[in-house]
PDB file of N, CA and C in Angstrom:
ATOM      1  N   MET A   1       7.369  12.662 -19.768  1.00  0.00           N
ATOM      2  CA  MET A   1       7.547  11.248 -19.537  1.00  0.00           C
ATOM      3  C   MET A   1       6.247  10.659 -18.980  1.00  0.00           C
ATOM      4  N   GLU A   2       5.778   9.616 -19.616  1.00  0.00           N
ATOM      5  CA  GLU A   2       4.562   8.952 -19.158  1.00  0.00           C
ATOM      6  C   GLU A   2       4.867   8.086 -17.947  1.00  0.00           C
ATOM      7  N   LYS A   3       3.999   8.120 -16.956  1.00  0.00           N
ATOM      8  CA  LYS A   3       4.177   7.346 -15.727  1.00  0.00           C
ATOM      9  C   LYS A   3       3.788   5.896 -15.997  1.00  0.00           C
ATOM     10  N   ASP A   4       4.513   4.978 -15.370  1.00  0.00           N
ATOM     11  CA  ASP A   4       4.276   3.554 -15.575  1.00  0.00           C
ATOM     12  C   ASP A   4       4.348   2.835 -14.234  1.00  0.00           C
ATOM     13  N   ILE A   5       3.393   1.982 -13.943  1.00  0.00           N
ATOM     14  CA  ILE A   5       3.325   1.277 -12.668  1.00  0.00           C
ATOM     15  C   ILE A   5       4.527   0.353 -12.459  1.00  0.00           C
ATOM     16  N   SER A   6       5.116  -0.163 -13.522  1.00  0.00           N
ATOM     17  CA  SER A   6       6.260  -1.075 -13.354  1.00  0.00           C
ATOM     18  C   SER A   6       7.454  -0.358 -12.726  1.00  0.00           C
ATOM     19  N   TYR A   7       7.644   0.925 -13.043  1.00  0.00           N
ATOM     20  CA  TYR A   7       8.725   1.704 -12.440  1.00  0.00           C
ATOM     21  C   TYR A   7       8.498   1.842 -10.941  1.00  0.00           C
ATOM     22  N   ILE A   8       7.262   2.124 -10.558  1.00  0.00           N
ATOM     23  CA  ILE A   8       6.924   2.284  -9.141  1.00  0.00           C
ATOM     24  C   ILE A   8       7.100   0.965  -8.401  1.00  0.00           C
ATOM     25  N   LYS A   9       6.642  -0.131  -9.006  1.00  0.00           N
ATOM     26  CA  LYS A   9       6.787  -1.448  -8.375  1.00  0.00           C
ATOM     27  C   LYS A   9       8.259  -1.802  -8.167  1.00  0.00           C
ATOM     28  N   SER A  10       9.100  -1.503  -9.153  1.00  0.00           N
ATOM     29  CA  SER A  10      10.527  -1.837  -9.019  1.00  0.00           C
ATOM     30  C   SER A  10      11.187  -0.980  -7.934  1.00  0.00           C
ATOM     31  N   ALA A  11      10.768   0.279  -7.787  1.00  0.00           N
ATOM     32  CA  ALA A  11      11.316   1.136  -6.736  1.00  0.00           C
ATOM     33  C   ALA A  11      10.927   0.611  -5.359  1.00  0.00           C
ATOM     34  N   ILE A  12       9.702   0.134  -5.220  1.00  0.00           N
ATOM     35  CA  ILE A  12       9.239  -0.433  -3.947  1.00  0.00           C
ATOM     36  C   ILE A  12      10.021  -1.691  -3.605  1.00  0.00           C
ATOM     37  N   ASP A  13      10.313  -2.508  -4.603  1.00  0.00           N
ATOM     38  CA  ASP A  13      11.060  -3.750  -4.378  1.00  0.00           C
ATOM     39  C   ASP A  13      12.475  -3.499  -3.855  1.00  0.00           C
ATOM     40  N   LYS A  14      13.019  -2.312  -4.104  1.00  0.00           N
ATOM     41  CA  LYS A  14      14.377  -1.993  -3.681  1.00  0.00           C
ATOM     42  C   LYS A  14      14.469  -1.510  -2.232  1.00  0.00           C
ATOM     43  N   ILE A  15      13.340  -1.262  -1.603  1.00  0.00           N
ATOM     44  CA  ILE A  15      13.337  -0.762  -0.227  1.00  0.00           C
ATOM     45  C   ILE A  15      13.656  -1.906   0.728  1.00  0.00           C
ATOM     46  N   ASN A  16      14.507  -1.648   1.692  1.00  0.00           N
ATOM     47  CA  ASN A  16      14.915  -2.634   2.685  1.00  0.00           C
ATOM     48  C   ASN A  16      13.703  -3.197   3.410  1.00  0.00           C
ATOM     49  N   GLU A  17      13.649  -4.517   3.567  1.00  0.00           N
ATOM     50  CA  GLU A  17      12.522  -5.196   4.205  1.00  0.00           C
ATOM     51  C   GLU A  17      12.282  -4.747   5.651  1.00  0.00           C
ATOM     52  N   ASP A  18      13.323  -4.301   6.359  1.00  0.00           N
ATOM     53  CA  ASP A  18      13.204  -3.891   7.758  1.00  0.00           C
ATOM     54  C   ASP A  18      12.870  -2.408   7.920  1.00  0.00           C
ATOM     55  N   SER A  19      12.675  -1.722   6.828  1.00  0.00           N
ATOM     56  CA  SER A  19      12.414  -0.286   6.855  1.00  0.00           C
ATOM     57  C   SER A  19      10.976   0.012   7.277  1.00  0.00           C
ATOM     58  N   THR A  20      10.808   1.098   8.025  1.00  0.00           N
ATOM     59  CA  THR A  20       9.474   1.562   8.389  1.00  0.00           C
ATOM     60  C   THR A  20       8.691   1.955   7.143  1.00  0.00           C
ATOM     61  N   ILE A  21       9.379   2.521   6.186  1.00  0.00           N
ATOM     62  CA  ILE A  21       8.728   2.890   4.931  1.00  0.00           C
ATOM     63  C   ILE A  21       8.180   1.644   4.238  1.00  0.00           C
ATOM     64  N   LYS A  22       8.956   0.557   4.244  1.00  0.00           N
ATOM     65  CA  LYS A  22       8.487  -0.692   3.638  1.00  0.00           C
ATOM     66  C   LYS A  22       7.246  -1.201   4.365  1.00  0.00           C
ATOM     67  N   PHE A  23       7.226  -1.103   5.692  1.00  0.00           N
ATOM     68  CA  PHE A  23       6.065  -1.514   6.465  1.00  0.00           C
ATOM     69  C   PHE A  23       4.820  -0.720   6.040  1.00  0.00           C
ATOM     70  N   LEU A  24       4.953   0.596   5.959  1.00  0.00           N
ATOM     71  CA  LEU A  24       3.828   1.440   5.567  1.00  0.00           C
ATOM     72  C   LEU A  24       3.378   1.154   4.139  1.00  0.00           C
ATOM     73  N   LEU A  25       4.329   0.936   3.256  1.00  0.00           N
ATOM     74  CA  LEU A  25       3.978   0.611   1.876  1.00  0.00           C
ATOM     75  C   LEU A  25       3.256  -0.727   1.787  1.00  0.00           C
ATOM     76  N   ASP A  26       3.645  -1.681   2.627  1.00  0.00           N
ATOM     77  CA  ASP A  26       2.950  -2.965   2.641  1.00  0.00           C
ATOM     78  C   ASP A  26       1.502  -2.793   3.071  1.00  0.00           C
ATOM     79  N   LEU A  27       1.253  -1.855   3.985  1.00  0.00           N
ATOM     80  CA  LEU A  27      -0.120  -1.613   4.445  1.00  0.00           C
ATOM     81  C   LEU A  27      -0.970  -0.945   3.376  1.00  0.00           C
ATOM     82  N   VAL A  28      -0.465   0.150   2.825  1.00  0.00           N
ATOM     83  CA  VAL A  28      -1.258   0.890   1.840  1.00  0.00           C
ATOM     84  C   VAL A  28      -0.955   0.480   0.407  1.00  0.00           C
ATOM     85  N   GLY A  29       0.171  -0.137   0.204  1.00  0.00           N
ATOM     86  CA  GLY A  29       0.593  -0.477  -1.146  1.00  0.00           C
ATOM     87  C   GLY A  29       0.164  -1.838  -1.632  1.00  0.00           C
ATOM     88  N   ALA A  30      -0.551  -2.580  -0.807  1.00  0.00           N
ATOM     89  CA  ALA A  30      -0.997  -3.910  -1.227  1.00  0.00           C
ATOM     90  C   ALA A  30      -1.806  -3.820  -2.517  1.00  0.00           C
ATOM     91  N   SER A  31      -2.504  -2.719  -2.679  1.00  0.00           N
ATOM     92  CA  SER A  31      -3.321  -2.547  -3.880  1.00  0.00           C
ATOM     93  C   SER A  31      -2.469  -2.338  -5.131  1.00  0.00           C
ATOM     94  N   ILE A  32      -1.220  -1.975  -4.967  1.00  0.00           N
ATOM     95  CA  ILE A  32      -0.347  -1.704  -6.102  1.00  0.00           C
ATOM     96  C   ILE A  32       0.168  -2.995  -6.747  1.00  0.00           C
ATOM     97  N   LYS A  33       0.335  -4.035  -5.955  1.00  0.00           N
ATOM     98  CA  LYS A  33       0.994  -5.250  -6.421  1.00  0.00           C
ATOM     99  C   LYS A  33       0.372  -5.868  -7.662  1.00  0.00           C
ATOM    100  N   ASP A  34      -0.935  -5.859  -7.763  1.00  0.00           N
ATOM    101  CA  ASP A  34      -1.558  -6.458  -8.936  1.00  0.00           C
ATOM    102  C   ASP A  34      -2.227  -5.429  -9.848  1.00  0.00           C
ATOM    103  N   ALA A  35      -1.868  -4.157  -9.691  1.00  0.00           N
ATOM    104  CA  ALA A  35      -2.397  -3.106 -10.571  1.00  0.00           C
ATOM    105  C   ALA A  35      -1.634  -3.112 -11.891  1.00  0.00           C
ATOM    106  N   VAL A  36      -2.344  -2.734 -12.933  1.00  0.00           N
ATOM    107  CA  VAL A  36      -1.753  -2.588 -14.263  1.00  0.00           C
ATOM    108  C   VAL A  36      -1.984  -1.158 -14.724  1.00  0.00           C
ATOM    109  N   ASN A  37      -1.238  -0.728 -15.707  1.00  0.00           N
ATOM    110  CA  ASN A  37      -1.441   0.608 -16.261  1.00  0.00           C
ATOM    111  C   ASN A  37      -2.831   0.697 -16.897  1.00  0.00           C
ATOM    112  N   PHE A  38      -3.521   1.802 -16.637  1.00  0.00           N
ATOM    113  CA  PHE A  38      -4.827   2.026 -17.252  1.00  0.00           C
ATOM    114  C   PHE A  38      -4.651   2.200 -18.745  1.00  0.00           C
ATOM    115  N   GLU A  39      -5.466   1.487 -19.509  1.00  0.00           N
ATOM    116  CA  GLU A  39      -5.447   1.622 -20.966  1.00  0.00           C
ATOM    117  C   GLU A  39      -6.789   2.195 -21.411  1.00  0.00           C
ATOM    118  N   PRO A  40      -6.760   3.383 -22.030  1.00  0.00           N
ATOM    119  CA  PRO A  40      -8.007   3.987 -22.492  1.00  0.00           C
ATOM    120  C   PRO A  40      -8.793   3.043 -23.404  1.00  0.00           C
ATOM    121  N   HIS A  41     -10.093   3.057 -23.227  1.00  0.00           N
ATOM    122  CA  HIS A  41     -11.052   2.312 -24.043  1.00  0.00           C
ATOM    123  C   HIS A  41     -10.988   0.802 -23.849  1.00  0.00           C
ATOM    124  N   LYS A  42     -10.235   0.327 -22.881  1.00  0.00           N
ATOM    125  CA  LYS A  42     -10.200  -1.099 -22.564  1.00  0.00           C
ATOM    126  C   LYS A  42     -11.335  -1.412 -21.588  1.00  0.00           C
ATOM    127  N   VAL A  43     -11.850  -2.612 -21.651  1.00  0.00           N
ATOM    128  CA  VAL A  43     -12.898  -3.051 -20.740  1.00  0.00           C
ATOM    129  C   VAL A  43     -12.237  -3.770 -19.576  1.00  0.00           C
ATOM    130  N   TYR A  44     -12.659  -3.450 -18.358  1.00  0.00           N
ATOM    131  CA  TYR A  44     -12.126  -4.084 -17.155  1.00  0.00           C
ATOM    132  C   TYR A  44     -13.243  -4.825 -16.436  1.00  0.00           C
ATOM    133  N   ARG A  45     -12.860  -5.811 -15.645  1.00  0.00           N
ATOM    134  CA  ARG A  45     -13.824  -6.617 -14.892  1.00  0.00           C
ATOM    135  C   ARG A  45     -13.746  -6.283 -13.402  1.00  0.00           C
ATOM    136  N   CYS A  46     -14.792  -6.615 -12.678  1.00  0.00           N
ATOM    137  CA  CYS A  46     -14.856  -6.353 -11.249  1.00  0.00           C
ATOM    138  C   CYS A  46     -13.617  -6.913 -10.545  1.00  0.00           C
ATOM    139  N   GLY A  47     -12.975  -6.073  -9.757  1.00  0.00           N
ATOM    140  CA  GLY A  47     -11.777  -6.470  -9.022  1.00  0.00           C
ATOM    141  C   GLY A  47     -10.475  -6.074  -9.703  1.00  0.00           C
ATOM    142  N   ASP A  48     -10.512  -5.767 -10.994  1.00  0.00           N
ATOM    143  CA  ASP A  48      -9.301  -5.314 -11.683  1.00  0.00           C
ATOM    144  C   ASP A  48      -8.831  -4.005 -11.071  1.00  0.00           C
ATOM    145  N   LYS A  49      -7.518  -3.861 -10.915  1.00  0.00           N
ATOM    146  CA  LYS A  49      -6.929  -2.634 -10.380  1.00  0.00           C
ATOM    147  C   LYS A  49      -6.076  -1.990 -11.457  1.00  0.00           C
ATOM    148  N   VAL A  50      -6.230  -0.689 -11.603  1.00  0.00           N
ATOM    149  CA  VAL A  50      -5.475   0.039 -12.614  1.00  0.00           C
ATOM    150  C   VAL A  50      -4.755   1.222 -11.995  1.00  0.00           C
ATOM    151  N   TYR A  51      -3.611   1.546 -12.567  1.00  0.00           N
ATOM    152  CA  TYR A  51      -2.815   2.702 -12.156  1.00  0.00           C
ATOM    153  C   TYR A  51      -3.021   3.806 -13.180  1.00  0.00           C
ATOM    154  N   LEU A  52      -3.197   5.016 -12.676  1.00  0.00           N
ATOM    155  CA  LEU A  52      -3.382   6.170 -13.544  1.00  0.00           C
ATOM    156  C   LEU A  52      -2.720   7.373 -12.890  1.00  0.00           C
ATOM    157  N   TYR A  53      -1.903   8.087 -13.636  1.00  0.00           N
ATOM    158  CA  TYR A  53      -1.288   9.323 -13.145  1.00  0.00           C
ATOM    159  C   TYR A  53      -2.080  10.467 -13.740  1.00  0.00           C
ATOM    160  N   LYS A  54      -2.796  11.197 -12.869  1.00  0.00           N
ATOM    161  CA  LYS A  54      -3.585  12.315 -13.380  1.00  0.00           C
ATOM    162  C   LYS A  54      -3.610  13.441 -12.362  1.00  0.00           C
ATOM    163  N   ASP A  55      -3.706  14.628 -12.868  1.00  0.00           N
ATOM    164  CA  ASP A  55      -3.731  15.830 -12.030  1.00  0.00           C
ATOM    165  C   ASP A  55      -2.528  15.891 -11.094  1.00  0.00           C
ATOM    166  N   GLY A  56      -1.386  15.406 -11.562  1.00  0.00           N
ATOM    167  CA  GLY A  56      -0.160  15.453 -10.779  1.00  0.00           C
ATOM    168  C   GLY A  56      -0.100  14.463  -9.629  1.00  0.00           C
ATOM    169  N   LYS A  57      -0.999  13.460  -9.632  1.00  0.00           N
ATOM    170  CA  LYS A  57      -1.029  12.487  -8.542  1.00  0.00           C
ATOM    171  C   LYS A  57      -1.106  11.062  -9.081  1.00  0.00           C
ATOM    172  N   HIS A  58      -0.486  10.151  -8.324  1.00  0.00           N
ATOM    173  CA  HIS A  58      -0.565   8.738  -8.637  1.00  0.00           C
ATOM    174  C   HIS A  58      -1.885   8.206  -8.088  1.00  0.00           C
ATOM    175  N   ARG A  59      -2.622   7.460  -8.900  1.00  0.00           N
ATOM    176  CA  ARG A  59      -3.911   6.909  -8.482  1.00  0.00           C
ATOM    177  C   ARG A  59      -3.963   5.419  -8.793  1.00  0.00           C
ATOM    178  N   VAL A  60      -4.592   4.670  -7.902  1.00  0.00           N
ATOM    179  CA  VAL A  60      -4.900   3.270  -8.171  1.00  0.00           C
ATOM    180  C   VAL A  60      -6.397   3.112  -7.950  1.00  0.00           C
ATOM    181  N   TYR A  61      -7.069   2.614  -8.973  1.00  0.00           N
ATOM    182  CA  TYR A  61      -8.511   2.424  -8.928  1.00  0.00           C
ATOM    183  C   TYR A  61      -8.825   0.937  -9.033  1.00  0.00           C
ATOM    184  N   LYS A  62      -9.932   0.549  -8.406  1.00  0.00           N
ATOM    185  CA  LYS A  62     -10.413  -0.824  -8.490  1.00  0.00           C
ATOM    186  C   LYS A  62     -11.780  -0.801  -9.164  1.00  0.00           C
ATOM    187  N   CYS A  63     -11.963  -1.648 -10.170  1.00  0.00           N
ATOM    188  CA  CYS A  63     -13.236  -1.743 -10.867  1.00  0.00           C
ATOM    189  C   CYS A  63     -14.257  -2.380  -9.924  1.00  0.00           C
ATOM    190  N   ILE A  64     -15.435  -1.760  -9.799  1.00  0.00           N
ATOM    191  CA  ILE A  64     -16.443  -2.249  -8.862  1.00  0.00           C
ATOM    192  C   ILE A  64     -17.735  -2.683  -9.561  1.00  0.00           C
ATOM    193  N   VAL A  65     -17.686  -2.824 -10.880  1.00  0.00           N
ATOM    194  CA  VAL A  65     -18.834  -3.319 -11.638  1.00  0.00           C
ATOM    195  C   VAL A  65     -18.400  -4.580 -12.387  1.00  0.00           C
ATOM    196  N   ASP A  66     -19.379  -5.370 -12.819  1.00  0.00           N
ATOM    197  CA  ASP A  66     -19.052  -6.613 -13.524  1.00  0.00           C
ATOM    198  C   ASP A  66     -18.165  -6.351 -14.738  1.00  0.00           C
ATOM    199  N   ILE A  67     -18.546  -5.387 -15.562  1.00  0.00           N
ATOM    200  CA  ILE A  67     -17.766  -5.026 -16.753  1.00  0.00           C
ATOM    201  C   ILE A  67     -17.808  -3.505 -16.885  1.00  0.00           C
ATOM    202  N   SER A  68     -16.629  -2.884 -16.991  1.00  0.00           N
ATOM    203  CA  SER A  68     -16.562  -1.425 -17.082  1.00  0.00           C
ATOM    204  C   SER A  68     -16.939  -0.940 -18.478  1.00  0.00           C
ATOM    205  N   THR A  69     -17.315   0.322 -18.539  1.00  0.00           N
ATOM    206  CA  THR A  69     -17.592   0.982 -19.808  1.00  0.00           C
ATOM    207  C   THR A  69     -16.261   1.487 -20.354  1.00  0.00           C
ATOM    208  N   PRO A  70     -15.925   1.172 -21.614  1.00  0.00           N
ATOM    209  CA  PRO A  70     -14.685   1.713 -22.176  1.00  0.00           C
ATOM    210  C   PRO A  70     -14.695   3.236 -22.118  1.00  0.00           C
ATOM    211  N   CYS A  71     -13.591   3.826 -21.694  1.00  0.00           N
ATOM    212  CA  CYS A  71     -13.529   5.283 -21.555  1.00  0.00           C
ATOM    213  C   CYS A  71     -12.098   5.766 -21.773  1.00  0.00           C
ATOM    214  N   GLU A  72     -11.974   7.062 -21.980  1.00  0.00           N
ATOM    215  CA  GLU A  72     -10.667   7.694 -22.198  1.00  0.00           C
ATOM    216  C   GLU A  72      -9.870   7.782 -20.895  1.00  0.00           C
ATOM    217  N   THR A  73     -10.566   8.092 -19.794  1.00  0.00           N
ATOM    218  CA  THR A  73      -9.928   8.217 -18.486  1.00  0.00           C
ATOM    219  C   THR A  73     -10.969   7.958 -17.403  1.00  0.00           C
ATOM    220  N   ILE A  74     -10.525   7.853 -16.180  1.00  0.00           N
ATOM    221  CA  ILE A  74     -11.446   7.703 -15.058  1.00  0.00           C
ATOM    222  C   ILE A  74     -11.706   9.100 -14.504  1.00  0.00           C
ATOM    223  N   ASP A  75     -12.965   9.511 -14.563  1.00  0.00           N
ATOM    224  CA  ASP A  75     -13.329  10.855 -14.123  1.00  0.00           C
ATOM    225  C   ASP A  75     -14.714  10.826 -13.494  1.00  0.00           C
ATOM    226  N   GLU A  76     -15.333  11.996 -13.319  1.00  0.00           N
ATOM    227  CA  GLU A  76     -16.649  12.070 -12.681  1.00  0.00           C
ATOM    228  C   GLU A  76     -17.703  11.222 -13.379  1.00  0.00           C
ATOM    229  N   GLU A  77     -17.592  11.094 -14.687  1.00  0.00           N
ATOM    230  CA  GLU A  77     -18.581  10.332 -15.439  1.00  0.00           C
ATOM    231  C   GLU A  77     -18.462   8.825 -15.214  1.00  0.00           C
ATOM    232  N   THR A  78     -17.286   8.358 -14.841  1.00  0.00           N
ATOM    233  CA  THR A  78     -17.073   6.918 -14.696  1.00  0.00           C
ATOM    234  C   THR A  78     -16.823   6.483 -13.257  1.00  0.00           C
ATOM    235  N   THR A  79     -16.861   7.408 -12.307  1.00  0.00           N
ATOM    236  CA  THR A  79     -16.511   7.050 -10.930  1.00  0.00           C
ATOM    237  C   THR A  79     -17.469   6.053 -10.297  1.00  0.00           C
ATOM    238  N   GLU A  80     -18.684   5.929 -10.804  1.00  0.00           N
ATOM    239  CA  GLU A  80     -19.587   4.931 -10.249  1.00  0.00           C
ATOM    240  C   GLU A  80     -19.132   3.510 -10.591  1.00  0.00           C
ATOM    241  N   GLU A  81     -18.180   3.397 -11.485  1.00  0.00           N
ATOM    242  CA  GLU A  81     -17.651   2.092 -11.871  1.00  0.00           C
ATOM    243  C   GLU A  81     -16.322   1.782 -11.192  1.00  0.00           C
ATOM    244  N   TRP A  82     -15.747   2.773 -10.521  1.00  0.00           N
ATOM    245  CA  TRP A  82     -14.404   2.628  -9.964  1.00  0.00           C
ATOM    246  C   TRP A  82     -14.344   3.120  -8.526  1.00  0.00           C
ATOM    247  N   SER A  83     -13.489   2.480  -7.732  1.00  0.00           N
ATOM    248  CA  SER A  83     -13.218   2.913  -6.368  1.00  0.00           C
ATOM    249  C   SER A  83     -11.762   3.363  -6.298  1.00  0.00           C
ATOM    250  N   ASP A  84     -11.545   4.593  -5.840  1.00  0.00           N
ATOM    251  CA  ASP A  84     -10.182   5.117  -5.685  1.00  0.00           C
ATOM    252  C   ASP A  84      -9.603   4.489  -4.419  1.00  0.00           C
ATOM    253  N   LEU A  85      -8.581   3.681  -4.535  1.00  0.00           N
ATOM    254  CA  LEU A  85      -8.042   2.936  -3.412  1.00  0.00           C
ATOM    255  C   LEU A  85      -7.193   3.774  -2.463  1.00  0.00           C
ATOM    256  N   PHE A  86      -6.911   5.023  -2.799  1.00  0.00           N
ATOM    257  CA  PHE A  86      -6.117   5.867  -1.924  1.00  0.00           C
ATOM    258  C   PHE A  86      -6.929   6.960  -1.263  1.00  0.00           C
ATOM    259  N   TYR A  87      -8.237   6.863  -1.295  1.00  0.00           N
ATOM    260  CA  TYR A  87      -9.095   7.839  -0.620  1.00  0.00           C
ATOM    261  C   TYR A  87      -9.906   7.144   0.431  1.00  0.00           C
TER     262      TYR A  87
END
């Protein structure tokens, strides 16, 4: 099953507003709200946030260059164009 950011966003929306978990997600999850699924070979602009499930982990990256280089995935070769928002 391919991972999709919309599923994660809908699960977060179901958490009770008074929950400690919701508080923590609001702190670290702010980057998730406007993230979209990463699409291979698509060009992204500075500030765009993408979701990618790789190596068994959920990742959200932010584009840090004016225009990204189209690529298959975000890896060592493209990390100078992206900031991992969970590290």
